[in-house]
Amino acid sequence: MKFLVDTCGWLEWLTDGVLADEFAPYLNDPDNLIIENLGLKPRPFDRLTGSRLRTGF
């Protein structure tokens, strides 16, 4: 089964936050891990461009 971990989840784990141990089993199983990345877009960029969503790598 695949598991989706959102930005707050992997940041909690990465920074060893209070809930890091709750996310560890999912993040330590990369074969069954899906990580969303839409929450990673810098907010100052949004204000400069007026864009709601930009795509591309």
C-alpha atoms as a PDB file:
ATOM      1  CA  MET A   1       0.000   0.000   0.000  1.00  0.00           C
ATOM      2  CA  LYS A   2       1.274   3.497  -0.880  1.00  0.00           C
ATOM      3  CA  PHE A   3       1.193   6.277   1.704  1.00  0.00           C
ATOM      4  CA  LEU A   4       0.964  10.017   1.043  1.00  0.00           C
ATOM      5  CA  VAL A   5       2.905  12.252   3.425  1.00  0.00           C
ATOM      6  CA  ASP A   6       2.301  15.970   3.052  1.00  0.00           C
ATOM      7  CA  THR A   7       4.827  18.752   3.582  1.00  0.00           C
ATOM      8  CA  CYS A   8       4.064  19.242   7.265  1.00  0.00           C
ATOM      9  CA  GLY A   9       4.649  15.524   7.844  1.00  0.00           C
ATOM     10  CA  TRP A  10       8.076  15.214   6.286  1.00  0.00           C
ATOM     11  CA  LEU A  11       9.186  18.568   7.729  1.00  0.00           C
ATOM     12  CA  GLU A  12       8.122  17.361  11.171  1.00  0.00           C
ATOM     13  CA  TRP A  13      10.223  14.228  10.658  1.00  0.00           C
ATOM     14  CA  LEU A  14      13.183  16.100   9.139  1.00  0.00           C
ATOM     15  CA  THR A  15      13.362  18.602  12.002  1.00  0.00           C
ATOM     16  CA  ASP A  16      12.813  15.918  14.660  1.00  0.00           C
ATOM     17  CA  GLY A  17       9.613  17.596  15.779  1.00  0.00           C
ATOM     18  CA  VAL A  18       7.151  16.364  18.373  1.00  0.00           C
ATOM     19  CA  LEU A  19       5.392  14.043  15.893  1.00  0.00           C
ATOM     20  CA  ALA A  20       8.535  12.839  14.090  1.00  0.00           C
ATOM     21  CA  ASP A  21       8.171   9.301  15.445  1.00  0.00           C
ATOM     22  CA  GLU A  22       4.617   9.109  14.056  1.00  0.00           C
ATOM     23  CA  PHE A  23       5.838   9.821  10.503  1.00  0.00           C
ATOM     24  CA  ALA A  24       9.060   7.764  10.673  1.00  0.00           C
ATOM     25  CA  PRO A  25       7.556   4.377   9.638  1.00  0.00           C
ATOM     26  CA  TYR A  26       6.165   5.906   6.447  1.00  0.00           C
ATOM     27  CA  LEU A  27       9.200   8.015   5.567  1.00  0.00           C
ATOM     28  CA  ASN A  28      11.576   5.110   6.153  1.00  0.00           C
ATOM     29  CA  ASP A  29       9.748   3.022   3.528  1.00  0.00           C
ATOM     30  CA  PRO A  30      10.522   4.870   0.253  1.00  0.00           C
ATOM     31  CA  ASP A  31       9.083   2.101  -1.942  1.00  0.00           C
ATOM     32  CA  ASN A  32       5.604   2.851  -0.572  1.00  0.00           C
ATOM     33  CA  LEU A  33       5.966   6.597  -0.106  1.00  0.00           C
ATOM     34  CA  ILE A  34       4.361   9.435  -2.041  1.00  0.00           C
ATOM     35  CA  ILE A  35       5.351  12.988  -1.099  1.00  0.00           C
ATOM     36  CA  GLU A  36       3.378  15.979  -2.328  1.00  0.00           C
ATOM     37  CA  ASN A  37       5.377  19.035  -3.303  1.00  0.00           C
ATOM     38  CA  LEU A  38       2.807  21.718  -4.067  1.00  0.00           C
ATOM     39  CA  GLY A  39       3.333  23.263  -0.629  1.00  0.00           C
ATOM     40  CA  LEU A  40       7.000  23.937  -1.368  1.00  0.00           C
ATOM     41  CA  LYS A  41       6.552  26.920  -3.690  1.00  0.00           C
ATOM     42  CA  PRO A  42       7.964  30.070  -2.051  1.00  0.00           C
ATOM     43  CA  ARG A  43       5.279  32.562  -1.100  1.00  0.00           C
ATOM     44  CA  PRO A  44       7.265  35.723  -2.056  1.00  0.00           C
ATOM     45  CA  PHE A  45       7.330  34.366  -5.624  1.00  0.00           C
ATOM     46  CA  ASP A  46       3.525  34.207  -5.593  1.00  0.00           C
ATOM     47  CA  ARG A  47       3.266  37.851  -4.627  1.00  0.00           C
ATOM     48  CA  LEU A  48       5.735  38.966  -7.301  1.00  0.00           C
ATOM     49  CA  THR A  49       4.088  37.102 -10.162  1.00  0.00           C
ATOM     50  CA  GLY A  50       0.496  37.053  -9.001  1.00  0.00           C
ATOM     51  CA  SER A  51       0.471  33.375  -9.946  1.00  0.00           C
ATOM     52  CA  ARG A  52      -1.807  30.947  -8.150  1.00  0.00           C
ATOM     53  CA  LEU A  53      -0.014  27.865  -9.446  1.00  0.00           C
ATOM     54  CA  ARG A  54       3.090  27.540 -11.576  1.00  0.00           C
ATOM     55  CA  THR A  55       4.321  24.312 -13.052  1.00  0.00           C
ATOM     56  CA  GLY A  56       7.643  23.261 -14.472  1.00  0.00           C
ATOM     57  CA  PHE A  57      10.934  22.068 -13.176  1.00  0.00           C
END
